[in-house]
Amino acid sequence: MADESKEQTADLQKLLETEKKRSEEYLTRLKYLQADFENLKKRVDRQIEEVKNYCTERLVVQLLDVQDELEMALKTAQSANSAKPLIEGVQMTLKKLRKVLEQEGVSPIECEKGKAFDPSCHQVVATVEQDDVEENVVIEEVRRGYRMKGKVIRPSIVKVSKSPKSQKGG
């Protein structure tokens, strides 16, 4: 029986050594994987930072063209002593700017007089009492609003109607 016990102990000792080696291999692999993950995370963070820094580069380059055209329009108008070239230059530049914004998914918010006030895309700057118009109807657009790819990036600033205070006579 003692031999059998010694034999079992030796077998268990071998199994224990095998499992120790296996666990050390797993631990080593885990450490390598952890280091790889940390390196990957650092690389991704650097790439994200780079994208953040330069994501608007294409738009800025296009806007620089618009700036150049505005400067040329001013220079031409000053040398010609006439407003007509300036007006034409500004109109051309505005057209180009609208095209650039459109390419970036920017579109104006349609804000028609007489339409109902929509708080998701309008911001009230004033209310005006009017008898002939329903309450909370857009009377005037003060500043145009814009959406970018469906999201409101600047609400339209509007004047809205309100009912006149009722006067009770006696």
C-alpha atoms as a PDB file:
ATOM      1  CA  MET A   1       0.000   0.000   0.000  1.00  0.00           C
ATOM      2  CA  ALA A   2       2.846   2.353   0.685  1.00  0.00           C
ATOM      3  CA  ASP A   3       4.176   1.769  -2.823  1.00  0.00           C
ATOM      4  CA  GLU A   4       0.773   2.510  -4.257  1.00  0.00           C
ATOM      5  CA  SER A   5       0.545   5.714  -2.246  1.00  0.00           C
ATOM      6  CA  LYS A   6       4.034   6.765  -3.341  1.00  0.00           C
ATOM      7  CA  GLU A   7       3.089   6.028  -6.941  1.00  0.00           C
ATOM      8  CA  GLN A   8      -0.073   8.148  -6.681  1.00  0.00           C
ATOM      9  CA  THR A   9       1.888  10.939  -5.072  1.00  0.00           C
ATOM     10  CA  ALA A  10       4.470  10.797  -7.884  1.00  0.00           C
ATOM     11  CA  ASP A  11       1.676  10.868 -10.502  1.00  0.00           C
ATOM     12  CA  LEU A  12       0.024  13.776  -8.764  1.00  0.00           C
ATOM     13  CA  GLN A  13       3.379  15.537  -8.550  1.00  0.00           C
ATOM     14  CA  LYS A  14       3.874  15.100 -12.323  1.00  0.00           C
ATOM     15  CA  LEU A  15       0.345  16.379 -13.001  1.00  0.00           C
ATOM     16  CA  LEU A  16       0.977  19.354 -10.741  1.00  0.00           C
ATOM     17  CA  GLU A  17       4.235  20.171 -12.562  1.00  0.00           C
ATOM     18  CA  THR A  18       2.474  19.845 -15.936  1.00  0.00           C
ATOM     19  CA  GLU A  19      -0.317  22.165 -14.803  1.00  0.00           C
ATOM     20  CA  LYS A  20       2.210  24.657 -13.388  1.00  0.00           C
ATOM     21  CA  LYS A  21       4.016  24.769 -16.739  1.00  0.00           C
ATOM     22  CA  ARG A  22       0.711  25.163 -18.563  1.00  0.00           C
ATOM     23  CA  SER A  23      -0.424  27.990 -16.269  1.00  0.00           C
ATOM     24  CA  GLU A  24       2.946  29.745 -16.684  1.00  0.00           C
ATOM     25  CA  GLU A  25       2.559  29.492 -20.472  1.00  0.00           C
ATOM     26  CA  TYR A  26      -0.951  30.951 -20.196  1.00  0.00           C
ATOM     27  CA  LEU A  27       0.305  33.747 -17.981  1.00  0.00           C
ATOM     28  CA  THR A  28       3.114  34.545 -20.415  1.00  0.00           C
ATOM     29  CA  ARG A  29       0.663  34.571 -23.334  1.00  0.00           C
ATOM     30  CA  LEU A  30      -1.701  36.760 -21.352  1.00  0.00           C
ATOM     31  CA  LYS A  31       1.091  39.251 -20.632  1.00  0.00           C
ATOM     32  CA  TYR A  32       1.992  39.396 -24.341  1.00  0.00           C
ATOM     33  CA  LEU A  33      -1.655  39.879 -25.287  1.00  0.00           C
ATOM     34  CA  GLN A  34      -2.026  42.604 -22.684  1.00  0.00           C
ATOM     35  CA  ALA A  35       1.046  44.406 -24.044  1.00  0.00           C
ATOM     36  CA  ASP A  36      -0.288  44.046 -27.604  1.00  0.00           C
ATOM     37  CA  PHE A  37      -3.630  45.435 -26.492  1.00  0.00           C
ATOM     38  CA  GLU A  38      -1.989  48.421 -24.786  1.00  0.00           C
ATOM     39  CA  ASN A  39       0.055  49.151 -27.930  1.00  0.00           C
ATOM     40  CA  LEU A  40      -3.050  48.871 -30.099  1.00  0.00           C
ATOM     41  CA  LYS A  41      -4.960  51.188 -27.766  1.00  0.00           C
ATOM     42  CA  LYS A  42      -2.165  53.783 -27.897  1.00  0.00           C
ATOM     43  CA  ARG A  43      -2.021  53.574 -31.701  1.00  0.00           C
ATOM     44  CA  VAL A  44      -5.813  53.946 -32.016  1.00  0.00           C
ATOM     45  CA  ASP A  45      -5.768  56.915 -29.609  1.00  0.00           C
ATOM     46  CA  ARG A  46      -3.069  58.596 -31.730  1.00  0.00           C
ATOM     47  CA  GLN A  47      -5.069  57.962 -34.903  1.00  0.00           C
ATOM     48  CA  ILE A  48      -8.250  59.339 -33.328  1.00  0.00           C
ATOM     49  CA  GLU A  49      -6.388  62.461 -32.212  1.00  0.00           C
ATOM     50  CA  GLU A  50      -4.994  62.903 -35.721  1.00  0.00           C
ATOM     51  CA  VAL A  51      -8.464  62.538 -37.239  1.00  0.00           C
ATOM     52  CA  LYS A  52      -9.844  65.090 -34.758  1.00  0.00           C
ATOM     53  CA  ASN A  53      -7.111  67.557 -35.677  1.00  0.00           C
ATOM     54  CA  TYR A  54      -7.509  67.239 -39.431  1.00  0.00           C
ATOM     55  CA  CYS A  55     -11.130  66.162 -40.005  1.00  0.00           C
ATOM     56  CA  THR A  56     -12.113  69.660 -41.138  1.00  0.00           C
ATOM     57  CA  GLU A  57      -9.078  70.146 -43.377  1.00  0.00           C
ATOM     58  CA  ARG A  58     -10.994  69.561 -46.623  1.00  0.00           C
ATOM     59  CA  LEU A  59     -13.666  72.052 -45.593  1.00  0.00           C
ATOM     60  CA  VAL A  60     -11.091  74.644 -44.532  1.00  0.00           C
ATOM     61  CA  VAL A  61      -9.251  74.358 -47.872  1.00  0.00           C
ATOM     62  CA  GLN A  62     -12.543  74.994 -49.694  1.00  0.00           C
ATOM     63  CA  LEU A  63     -13.329  77.944 -47.427  1.00  0.00           C
ATOM     64  CA  LEU A  64      -9.886  79.391 -48.167  1.00  0.00           C
ATOM     65  CA  ASP A  65     -10.903  79.481 -51.847  1.00  0.00           C
ATOM     66  CA  VAL A  66     -14.005  81.409 -50.820  1.00  0.00           C
ATOM     67  CA  GLN A  67     -11.857  83.824 -48.802  1.00  0.00           C
ATOM     68  CA  ASP A  68      -9.561  84.353 -51.798  1.00  0.00           C
ATOM     69  CA  GLU A  69     -12.540  85.190 -53.988  1.00  0.00           C
ATOM     70  CA  LEU A  70     -13.885  87.677 -51.446  1.00  0.00           C
ATOM     71  CA  GLU A  71     -10.485  89.364 -51.277  1.00  0.00           C
ATOM     72  CA  MET A  72     -10.326  89.528 -55.093  1.00  0.00           C
ATOM     73  CA  ALA A  73     -13.821  91.018 -55.239  1.00  0.00           C
ATOM     74  CA  LEU A  74     -12.862  93.725 -52.764  1.00  0.00           C
ATOM     75  CA  LYS A  75      -9.619  94.487 -54.593  1.00  0.00           C
ATOM     76  CA  THR A  76     -11.419  94.717 -57.946  1.00  0.00           C
ATOM     77  CA  ALA A  77     -14.140  96.952 -56.522  1.00  0.00           C
ATOM     78  CA  GLN A  78     -11.589  99.272 -54.943  1.00  0.00           C
ATOM     79  CA  SER A  79      -9.589  99.633 -58.150  1.00  0.00           C
ATOM     80  CA  ALA A  80     -12.682 100.117 -60.341  1.00  0.00           C
ATOM     81  CA  ASN A  81     -14.320 102.559 -57.937  1.00  0.00           C
ATOM     82  CA  SER A  82     -17.601 100.849 -58.686  1.00  0.00           C
ATOM     83  CA  ALA A  83     -19.944  98.748 -56.617  1.00  0.00           C
ATOM     84  CA  LYS A  84     -21.035  96.547 -59.546  1.00  0.00           C
ATOM     85  CA  PRO A  85     -17.865  94.373 -59.650  1.00  0.00           C
ATOM     86  CA  LEU A  86     -18.041  94.031 -55.866  1.00  0.00           C
ATOM     87  CA  ILE A  87     -21.667  92.923 -56.005  1.00  0.00           C
ATOM     88  CA  GLU A  88     -20.919  90.415 -58.777  1.00  0.00           C
ATOM     89  CA  GLY A  89     -17.870  89.103 -56.923  1.00  0.00           C
ATOM     90  CA  VAL A  90     -19.779  88.684 -53.672  1.00  0.00           C
ATOM     91  CA  GLN A  91     -22.638  86.934 -55.515  1.00  0.00           C
ATOM     92  CA  MET A  92     -20.176  84.481 -57.110  1.00  0.00           C
ATOM     93  CA  THR A  93     -18.488  83.889 -53.763  1.00  0.00           C
ATOM     94  CA  LEU A  94     -21.792  83.343 -51.984  1.00  0.00           C
ATOM     95  CA  LYS A  95     -22.773  80.813 -54.654  1.00  0.00           C
ATOM     96  CA  LYS A  96     -19.473  78.951 -54.124  1.00  0.00           C
ATOM     97  CA  LEU A  97     -19.863  79.035 -50.340  1.00  0.00           C
ATOM     98  CA  ARG A  98     -23.386  77.599 -50.598  1.00  0.00           C
ATOM     99  CA  LYS A  99     -22.011  74.811 -52.818  1.00  0.00           C
ATOM    100  CA  VAL A 100     -19.273  73.995 -50.270  1.00  0.00           C
ATOM    101  CA  LEU A 101     -21.817  73.889 -47.450  1.00  0.00           C
ATOM    102  CA  GLU A 102     -24.151  71.735 -49.533  1.00  0.00           C
ATOM    103  CA  GLN A 103     -21.309  69.259 -50.186  1.00  0.00           C
ATOM    104  CA  GLU A 104     -20.871  68.986 -46.418  1.00  0.00           C
ATOM    105  CA  GLY A 105     -24.568  68.162 -45.978  1.00  0.00           C
ATOM    106  CA  VAL A 106     -25.630  71.633 -44.817  1.00  0.00           C
ATOM    107  CA  SER A 107     -29.039  72.877 -45.914  1.00  0.00           C
ATOM    108  CA  PRO A 108     -31.135  75.874 -44.854  1.00  0.00           C
ATOM    109  CA  ILE A 109     -34.186  75.319 -42.689  1.00  0.00           C
ATOM    110  CA  GLU A 110     -37.247  76.308 -44.678  1.00  0.00           C
ATOM    111  CA  CYS A 111     -38.978  78.904 -42.554  1.00  0.00           C
ATOM    112  CA  GLU A 112     -42.013  80.324 -44.273  1.00  0.00           C
ATOM    113  CA  LYS A 113     -44.132  83.145 -42.993  1.00  0.00           C
ATOM    114  CA  GLY A 114     -47.465  81.789 -41.776  1.00  0.00           C
ATOM    115  CA  LYS A 115     -46.188  78.320 -40.814  1.00  0.00           C
ATOM    116  CA  ALA A 116     -46.538  77.022 -37.266  1.00  0.00           C
ATOM    117  CA  PHE A 117     -43.700  77.624 -34.810  1.00  0.00           C
ATOM    118  CA  ASP A 118     -41.547  74.489 -34.372  1.00  0.00           C
ATOM    119  CA  PRO A 119     -39.336  74.574 -31.256  1.00  0.00           C
ATOM    120  CA  SER A 120     -37.090  71.845 -32.686  1.00  0.00           C
ATOM    121  CA  CYS A 121     -35.840  74.166 -35.444  1.00  0.00           C
ATOM    122  CA  HIS A 122     -36.980  77.688 -34.470  1.00  0.00           C
ATOM    123  CA  GLN A 123     -35.879  80.004 -31.694  1.00  0.00           C
ATOM    124  CA  VAL A 124     -38.227  82.849 -30.755  1.00  0.00           C
ATOM    125  CA  VAL A 125     -36.660  86.273 -30.469  1.00  0.00           C
ATOM    126  CA  ALA A 126     -39.926  88.235 -30.179  1.00  0.00           C
ATOM    127  CA  THR A 127     -43.666  87.792 -30.027  1.00  0.00           C
ATOM    128  CA  VAL A 128     -46.009  90.161 -31.821  1.00  0.00           C
ATOM    129  CA  GLU A 129     -49.694  90.595 -31.103  1.00  0.00           C
ATOM    130  CA  GLN A 130     -51.808  90.131 -34.225  1.00  0.00           C
ATOM    131  CA  ASP A 131     -55.548  89.732 -34.671  1.00  0.00           C
ATOM    132  CA  ASP A 132     -55.524  88.202 -38.140  1.00  0.00           C
ATOM    133  CA  VAL A 133     -53.085  85.351 -37.412  1.00  0.00           C
ATOM    134  CA  GLU A 134     -53.304  82.276 -35.202  1.00  0.00           C
ATOM    135  CA  GLU A 135     -51.137  82.112 -32.114  1.00  0.00           C
ATOM    136  CA  ASN A 136     -47.611  80.620 -32.408  1.00  0.00           C
ATOM    137  CA  VAL A 137     -47.276  81.218 -36.132  1.00  0.00           C
ATOM    138  CA  VAL A 138     -44.024  82.471 -37.667  1.00  0.00           C
ATOM    139  CA  ILE A 139     -44.409  86.105 -38.711  1.00  0.00           C
ATOM    140  CA  GLU A 140     -40.827  86.813 -39.738  1.00  0.00           C
ATOM    141  CA  GLU A 141     -37.514  84.999 -40.025  1.00  0.00           C
ATOM    142  CA  VAL A 142     -34.821  87.197 -38.447  1.00  0.00           C
ATOM    143  CA  ARG A 143     -31.909  84.838 -39.148  1.00  0.00           C
ATOM    144  CA  ARG A 144     -31.894  81.702 -41.262  1.00  0.00           C
ATOM    145  CA  GLY A 145     -31.257  78.397 -39.552  1.00  0.00           C
ATOM    146  CA  TYR A 146     -29.385  75.377 -40.918  1.00  0.00           C
ATOM    147  CA  ARG A 147     -29.350  71.592 -40.691  1.00  0.00           C
ATOM    148  CA  MET A 148     -26.316  69.402 -41.251  1.00  0.00           C
ATOM    149  CA  LYS A 149     -27.159  65.881 -42.418  1.00  0.00           C
ATOM    150  CA  GLY A 150     -30.599  66.199 -40.832  1.00  0.00           C
ATOM    151  CA  LYS A 151     -29.421  67.601 -37.482  1.00  0.00           C
ATOM    152  CA  VAL A 152     -30.252  71.217 -36.602  1.00  0.00           C
ATOM    153  CA  ILE A 153     -26.894  72.956 -36.154  1.00  0.00           C
ATOM    154  CA  ARG A 154     -28.335  76.471 -35.918  1.00  0.00           C
ATOM    155  CA  PRO A 155     -32.043  77.122 -35.354  1.00  0.00           C
ATOM    156  CA  SER A 156     -33.890  79.804 -37.306  1.00  0.00           C
ATOM    157  CA  ILE A 157     -34.463  82.927 -35.233  1.00  0.00           C
ATOM    158  CA  VAL A 158     -38.057  84.003 -35.713  1.00  0.00           C
ATOM    159  CA  LYS A 159     -40.742  86.402 -34.602  1.00  0.00           C
ATOM    160  CA  VAL A 160     -43.936  84.616 -33.604  1.00  0.00           C
ATOM    161  CA  SER A 161     -47.531  85.778 -33.340  1.00  0.00           C
ATOM    162  CA  LYS A 162     -49.495  85.821 -30.133  1.00  0.00           C
ATOM    163  CA  SER A 163     -53.121  86.576 -29.455  1.00  0.00           C
ATOM    164  CA  PRO A 164     -53.871  90.118 -28.354  1.00  0.00           C
ATOM    165  CA  LYS A 165     -54.948  90.404 -24.765  1.00  0.00           C
ATOM    166  CA  SER A 166     -58.703  90.189 -24.660  1.00  0.00           C
ATOM    167  CA  GLN A 167     -60.317  93.368 -23.497  1.00  0.00           C
ATOM    168  CA  LYS A 168     -63.448  92.996 -21.462  1.00  0.00           C
ATOM    169  CA  GLY A 169     -65.848  95.860 -21.652  1.00  0.00           C
ATOM    170  CA  GLY A 170     -68.374  96.680 -18.968  1.00  0.00           C
END
